[in-house]
Amino acid sequence: VDVTVTTRAGTSAISAASRFAYGAAAIDVPTLGEWSMMALGLMLAGVGYVVLRWRFARVE
């Protein structure tokens, strides 16, 4: 991609300094805090499931 700047004084010249290339975006890796929140959510869901199964098994 060539980048030019236009002002009242004129337009900038195209040179090697005005050329930019786009690459693939970096893949975001979750941080330790994000991983711990995901693990906490999974643990709470798992414990909730086990407790509900245990309670309904005792009622029947």
PDB file of N, CA and C in Angstrom:
ATOM      1  N   VAL A   1       0.861  -1.173   0.000  1.00  0.00           N
ATOM      2  CA  VAL A   1       0.000   0.000   0.000  1.00  0.00           C
ATOM      3  C   VAL A   1       0.900   1.227   0.000  1.00  0.00           C
ATOM      4  N   ASP A   2       0.658   2.132  -0.906  1.00  0.00           N
ATOM      5  CA  ASP A   2       1.379   3.400  -0.928  1.00  0.00           C
ATOM      6  C   ASP A   2       0.556   4.441  -0.182  1.00  0.00           C
ATOM      7  N   VAL A   3       1.196   5.192   0.683  1.00  0.00           N
ATOM      8  CA  VAL A   3       0.523   6.225   1.463  1.00  0.00           C
ATOM      9  C   VAL A   3       1.007   7.580   0.984  1.00  0.00           C
ATOM     10  N   THR A   4       0.056   8.450   0.630  1.00  0.00           N
ATOM     11  CA  THR A   4       0.400   9.825   0.253  1.00  0.00           C
ATOM     12  C   THR A   4      -0.352  10.782   1.154  1.00  0.00           C
ATOM     13  N   VAL A   5       0.235  11.934   1.383  1.00  0.00           N
ATOM     14  CA  VAL A   5      -0.377  12.968   2.219  1.00  0.00           C
ATOM     15  C   VAL A   5      -0.601  14.195   1.354  1.00  0.00           C
ATOM     16  N   THR A   6      -1.828  14.712   1.380  1.00  0.00           N
ATOM     17  CA  THR A   6      -2.156  15.900   0.601  1.00  0.00           C
ATOM     18  C   THR A   6      -2.450  17.053   1.550  1.00  0.00           C
ATOM     19  N   THR A   7      -1.753  18.169   1.349  1.00  0.00           N
ATOM     20  CA  THR A   7      -1.971  19.389   2.136  1.00  0.00           C
ATOM     21  C   THR A   7      -2.115  20.563   1.176  1.00  0.00           C
ATOM     22  N   ARG A   8      -2.260  21.741   1.715  1.00  0.00           N
ATOM     23  CA  ARG A   8      -2.344  22.937   0.873  1.00  0.00           C
ATOM     24  C   ARG A   8      -1.052  23.147   0.086  1.00  0.00           C
ATOM     25  N   ALA A   9       0.058  22.694   0.643  1.00  0.00           N
ATOM     26  CA  ALA A   9       1.357  22.867  -0.009  1.00  0.00           C
ATOM     27  C   ALA A   9       1.577  21.868  -1.141  1.00  0.00           C
ATOM     28  N   GLY A  10       0.767  20.823  -1.207  1.00  0.00           N
ATOM     29  CA  GLY A  10       0.916  19.830  -2.269  1.00  0.00           C
ATOM     30  C   GLY A  10       0.805  18.415  -1.741  1.00  0.00           C
ATOM     31  N   THR A  11       1.161  17.466  -2.584  1.00  0.00           N
ATOM     32  CA  THR A  11       1.066  16.048  -2.250  1.00  0.00           C
ATOM     33  C   THR A  11       2.466  15.485  -2.050  1.00  0.00           C
ATOM     34  N   SER A  12       2.595  14.623  -1.053  1.00  0.00           N
ATOM     35  CA  SER A  12       3.905  14.027  -0.778  1.00  0.00           C
ATOM     36  C   SER A  12       4.293  13.066  -1.896  1.00  0.00           C
ATOM     37  N   ALA A  13       5.575  12.933  -2.102  1.00  0.00           N
ATOM     38  CA  ALA A  13       6.083  12.025  -3.132  1.00  0.00           C
ATOM     39  C   ALA A  13       6.032  10.586  -2.634  1.00  0.00           C
ATOM     40  N   ILE A  14       5.861   9.665  -3.563  1.00  0.00           N
ATOM     41  CA  ILE A  14       5.859   8.246  -3.209  1.00  0.00           C
ATOM     42  C   ILE A  14       7.305   7.765  -3.194  1.00  0.00           C
ATOM     43  N   SER A  15       7.703   7.194  -2.063  1.00  0.00           N
ATOM     44  CA  SER A  15       9.062   6.667  -1.923  1.00  0.00           C
ATOM     45  C   SER A  15       8.995   5.354  -1.158  1.00  0.00           C
ATOM     46  N   ALA A  16      10.139   4.768  -0.916  1.00  0.00           N
ATOM     47  CA  ALA A  16      10.188   3.509  -0.155  1.00  0.00           C
ATOM     48  C   ALA A  16       9.668   3.703   1.262  1.00  0.00           C
ATOM     49  N   ALA A  17       9.799   4.920   1.797  1.00  0.00           N
ATOM     50  CA  ALA A  17       9.338   5.188   3.160  1.00  0.00           C
ATOM     51  C   ALA A  17       7.818   5.246   3.255  1.00  0.00           C
ATOM     52  N   SER A  18       7.128   5.405   2.119  1.00  0.00           N
ATOM     53  CA  SER A  18       5.668   5.504   2.154  1.00  0.00           C
ATOM     54  C   SER A  18       4.990   4.178   1.834  1.00  0.00           C
ATOM     55  N   ARG A  19       5.735   3.114   1.750  1.00  0.00           N
ATOM     56  CA  ARG A  19       5.163   1.797   1.445  1.00  0.00           C
ATOM     57  C   ARG A  19       4.983   0.993   2.732  1.00  0.00           C
ATOM     58  N   PHE A  20       3.787   0.434   2.876  1.00  0.00           N
ATOM     59  CA  PHE A  20       3.454  -0.373   4.047  1.00  0.00           C
ATOM     60  C   PHE A  20       2.852  -1.685   3.576  1.00  0.00           C
ATOM     61  N   ALA A  21       3.091  -2.730   4.311  1.00  0.00           N
ATOM     62  CA  ALA A  21       2.530  -4.044   4.003  1.00  0.00           C
ATOM     63  C   ALA A  21       1.692  -4.512   5.181  1.00  0.00           C
ATOM     64  N   TYR A  22       0.589  -5.156   4.860  1.00  0.00           N
ATOM     65  CA  TYR A  22      -0.283  -5.702   5.890  1.00  0.00           C
ATOM     66  C   TYR A  22      -0.045  -7.194   5.999  1.00  0.00           C
ATOM     67  N   GLY A  23       0.046  -7.663   7.212  1.00  0.00           N
ATOM     68  CA  GLY A  23       0.229  -9.086   7.452  1.00  0.00           C
ATOM     69  C   GLY A  23      -0.955  -9.650   8.221  1.00  0.00           C
ATOM     70  N   ALA A  24      -0.915 -10.923   8.492  1.00  0.00           N
ATOM     71  CA  ALA A  24      -1.970 -11.563   9.266  1.00  0.00           C
ATOM     72  C   ALA A  24      -1.953 -11.038  10.696  1.00  0.00           C
ATOM     73  N   ALA A  25      -3.133 -10.911  11.258  1.00  0.00           N
ATOM     74  CA  ALA A  25      -3.244 -10.426  12.631  1.00  0.00           C
ATOM     75  C   ALA A  25      -2.718 -11.475  13.605  1.00  0.00           C
ATOM     76  N   ALA A  26      -2.164 -11.023  14.693  1.00  0.00           N
ATOM     77  CA  ALA A  26      -1.662 -11.935  15.721  1.00  0.00           C
ATOM     78  C   ALA A  26      -2.841 -12.600  16.430  1.00  0.00           C
ATOM     79  N   ILE A  27      -2.646 -13.829  16.833  1.00  0.00           N
ATOM     80  CA  ILE A  27      -3.685 -14.566  17.552  1.00  0.00           C
ATOM     81  C   ILE A  27      -3.598 -14.199  19.022  1.00  0.00           C
ATOM     82  N   ASP A  28      -4.732 -13.775  19.579  1.00  0.00           N
ATOM     83  CA  ASP A  28      -4.757 -13.420  20.994  1.00  0.00           C
ATOM     84  C   ASP A  28      -4.772 -14.683  21.845  1.00  0.00           C
ATOM     85  N   VAL A  29      -3.875 -14.752  22.795  1.00  0.00           N
ATOM     86  CA  VAL A  29      -3.815 -15.865  23.737  1.00  0.00           C
ATOM     87  C   VAL A  29      -4.337 -15.354  25.071  1.00  0.00           C
ATOM     88  N   PRO A  30      -5.288 -16.062  25.678  1.00  0.00           N
ATOM     89  CA  PRO A  30      -5.817 -15.591  26.955  1.00  0.00           C
ATOM     90  C   PRO A  30      -4.721 -15.465  28.013  1.00  0.00           C
ATOM     91  N   THR A  31      -4.860 -14.456  28.851  1.00  0.00           N
ATOM     92  CA  THR A  31      -3.906 -14.255  29.935  1.00  0.00           C
ATOM     93  C   THR A  31      -4.233 -15.206  31.077  1.00  0.00           C
ATOM     94  N   LEU A  32      -3.364 -15.227  32.077  1.00  0.00           N
ATOM     95  CA  LEU A  32      -3.576 -16.110  33.222  1.00  0.00           C
ATOM     96  C   LEU A  32      -4.898 -15.789  33.917  1.00  0.00           C
ATOM     97  N   GLY A  33      -5.215 -14.507  34.051  1.00  0.00           N
ATOM     98  CA  GLY A  33      -6.475 -14.115  34.680  1.00  0.00           C
ATOM     99  C   GLY A  33      -7.685 -14.595  33.897  1.00  0.00           C
ATOM    100  N   GLU A  34      -7.615 -14.529  32.571  1.00  0.00           N
ATOM    101  CA  GLU A  34      -8.724 -15.005  31.743  1.00  0.00           C
ATOM    102  C   GLU A  34      -8.873 -16.517  31.838  1.00  0.00           C
ATOM    103  N   TRP A  35      -7.737 -17.226  31.837  1.00  0.00           N
ATOM    104  CA  TRP A  35      -7.798 -18.684  31.983  1.00  0.00           C
ATOM    105  C   TRP A  35      -8.405 -19.060  33.331  1.00  0.00           C
ATOM    106  N   SER A  36      -8.029 -18.333  34.390  1.00  0.00           N
ATOM    107  CA  SER A  36      -8.552 -18.671  35.716  1.00  0.00           C
ATOM    108  C   SER A  36     -10.048 -18.399  35.796  1.00  0.00           C
ATOM    109  N   MET A  37     -10.536 -17.341  35.135  1.00  0.00           N
ATOM    110  CA  MET A  37     -11.976 -17.074  35.140  1.00  0.00           C
ATOM    111  C   MET A  37     -12.733 -18.154  34.366  1.00  0.00           C
ATOM    112  N   MET A  38     -12.157 -18.626  33.262  1.00  0.00           N
ATOM    113  CA  MET A  38     -12.796 -19.714  32.512  1.00  0.00           C
ATOM    114  C   MET A  38     -12.820 -20.989  33.348  1.00  0.00           C
ATOM    115  N   ALA A  39     -11.724 -21.280  34.040  1.00  0.00           N
ATOM    116  CA  ALA A  39     -11.665 -22.475  34.882  1.00  0.00           C
ATOM    117  C   ALA A  39     -12.663 -22.373  36.026  1.00  0.00           C
ATOM    118  N   LEU A  40     -12.782 -21.190  36.637  1.00  0.00           N
ATOM    119  CA  LEU A  40     -13.741 -20.997  37.725  1.00  0.00           C
ATOM    120  C   LEU A  40     -15.164 -21.217  37.231  1.00  0.00           C
ATOM    121  N   GLY A  41     -15.488 -20.678  36.071  1.00  0.00           N
ATOM    122  CA  GLY A  41     -16.822 -20.879  35.507  1.00  0.00           C
ATOM    123  C   GLY A  41     -17.117 -22.342  35.244  1.00  0.00           C
ATOM    124  N   LEU A  42     -16.145 -23.062  34.690  1.00  0.00           N
ATOM    125  CA  LEU A  42     -16.345 -24.491  34.437  1.00  0.00           C
ATOM    126  C   LEU A  42     -16.490 -25.277  35.732  1.00  0.00           C
ATOM    127  N   MET A  43     -15.691 -24.925  36.746  1.00  0.00           N
ATOM    128  CA  MET A  43     -15.794 -25.623  38.034  1.00  0.00           C
ATOM    129  C   MET A  43     -17.149 -25.368  38.686  1.00  0.00           C
ATOM    130  N   LEU A  44     -17.616 -24.109  38.666  1.00  0.00           N
ATOM    131  CA  LEU A  44     -18.918 -23.802  39.261  1.00  0.00           C
ATOM    132  C   LEU A  44     -20.043 -24.518  38.525  1.00  0.00           C
ATOM    133  N   ALA A  45     -19.963 -24.562  37.204  1.00  0.00           N
ATOM    134  CA  ALA A  45     -20.980 -25.273  36.432  1.00  0.00           C
ATOM    135  C   ALA A  45     -20.942 -26.766  36.750  1.00  0.00           C
ATOM    136  N   GLY A  46     -19.753 -27.335  36.851  1.00  0.00           N
ATOM    137  CA  GLY A  46     -19.628 -28.757  37.168  1.00  0.00           C
ATOM    138  C   GLY A  46     -20.141 -29.090  38.552  1.00  0.00           C
ATOM    139  N   VAL A  47     -19.802 -28.267  39.536  1.00  0.00           N
ATOM    140  CA  VAL A  47     -20.279 -28.497  40.907  1.00  0.00           C
ATOM    141  C   VAL A  47     -21.792 -28.338  40.963  1.00  0.00           C
ATOM    142  N   GLY A  48     -22.328 -27.331  40.277  1.00  0.00           N
ATOM    143  CA  GLY A  48     -23.783 -27.149  40.242  1.00  0.00           C
ATOM    144  C   GLY A  48     -24.482 -28.345  39.639  1.00  0.00           C
ATOM    145  N   TYR A  49     -23.930 -28.890  38.576  1.00  0.00           N
ATOM    146  CA  TYR A  49     -24.508 -30.068  37.938  1.00  0.00           C
ATOM    147  C   TYR A  49     -24.495 -31.261  38.889  1.00  0.00           C
ATOM    148  N   VAL A  50     -23.374 -31.478  39.562  1.00  0.00           N
ATOM    149  CA  VAL A  50     -23.257 -32.610  40.489  1.00  0.00           C
ATOM    150  C   VAL A  50     -24.226 -32.452  41.654  1.00  0.00           C
ATOM    151  N   VAL A  51     -24.335 -31.247  42.207  1.00  0.00           N
ATOM    152  CA  VAL A  51     -25.243 -31.013  43.337  1.00  0.00           C
ATOM    153  C   VAL A  51     -26.690 -31.237  42.911  1.00  0.00           C
ATOM    154  N   LEU A  52     -27.083 -30.744  41.744  1.00  0.00           N
ATOM    155  CA  LEU A  52     -28.456 -30.964  41.279  1.00  0.00           C
ATOM    156  C   LEU A  52     -28.734 -32.441  41.055  1.00  0.00           C
ATOM    157  N   ARG A  53     -27.788 -33.166  40.475  1.00  0.00           N
ATOM    158  CA  ARG A  53     -27.977 -34.605  40.282  1.00  0.00           C
ATOM    159  C   ARG A  53     -28.123 -35.312  41.627  1.00  0.00           C
ATOM    160  N   TRP A  54     -27.310 -34.902  42.602  1.00  0.00           N
ATOM    161  CA  TRP A  54     -27.337 -35.524  43.923  1.00  0.00           C
ATOM    162  C   TRP A  54     -28.668 -35.239  44.617  1.00  0.00           C
ATOM    163  N   ARG A  55     -29.157 -34.000  44.554  1.00  0.00           N
ATOM    164  CA  ARG A  55     -30.423 -33.647  45.213  1.00  0.00           C
ATOM    165  C   ARG A  55     -31.604 -34.371  44.588  1.00  0.00           C
ATOM    166  N   PHE A  56     -31.677 -34.396  43.256  1.00  0.00           N
ATOM    167  CA  PHE A  56     -32.806 -35.053  42.615  1.00  0.00           C
ATOM    168  C   PHE A  56     -32.726 -36.569  42.743  1.00  0.00           C
ATOM    169  N   ALA A  57     -31.554 -37.124  42.915  1.00  0.00           N
ATOM    170  CA  ALA A  57     -31.419 -38.563  43.124  1.00  0.00           C
ATOM    171  C   ALA A  57     -31.946 -38.941  44.502  1.00  0.00           C
ATOM    172  N   ARG A  58     -31.807 -38.049  45.489  1.00  0.00           N
ATOM    173  CA  ARG A  58     -32.284 -38.325  46.846  1.00  0.00           C
ATOM    174  C   ARG A  58     -33.788 -38.172  46.943  1.00  0.00           C
ATOM    175  N   VAL A  59     -34.406 -37.310  46.126  1.00  0.00           N
ATOM    176  CA  VAL A  59     -35.846 -37.046  46.196  1.00  0.00           C
ATOM    177  C   VAL A  59     -36.628 -38.227  45.665  1.00  0.00           C
ATOM    178  N   GLU A  60     -36.166 -38.850  44.622  1.00  0.00           N
ATOM    179  CA  GLU A  60     -36.892 -39.970  44.012  1.00  0.00           C
ATOM    180  C   GLU A  60     -36.766 -41.150  44.860  1.00  0.00           C
TER     181      GLU A  60
END
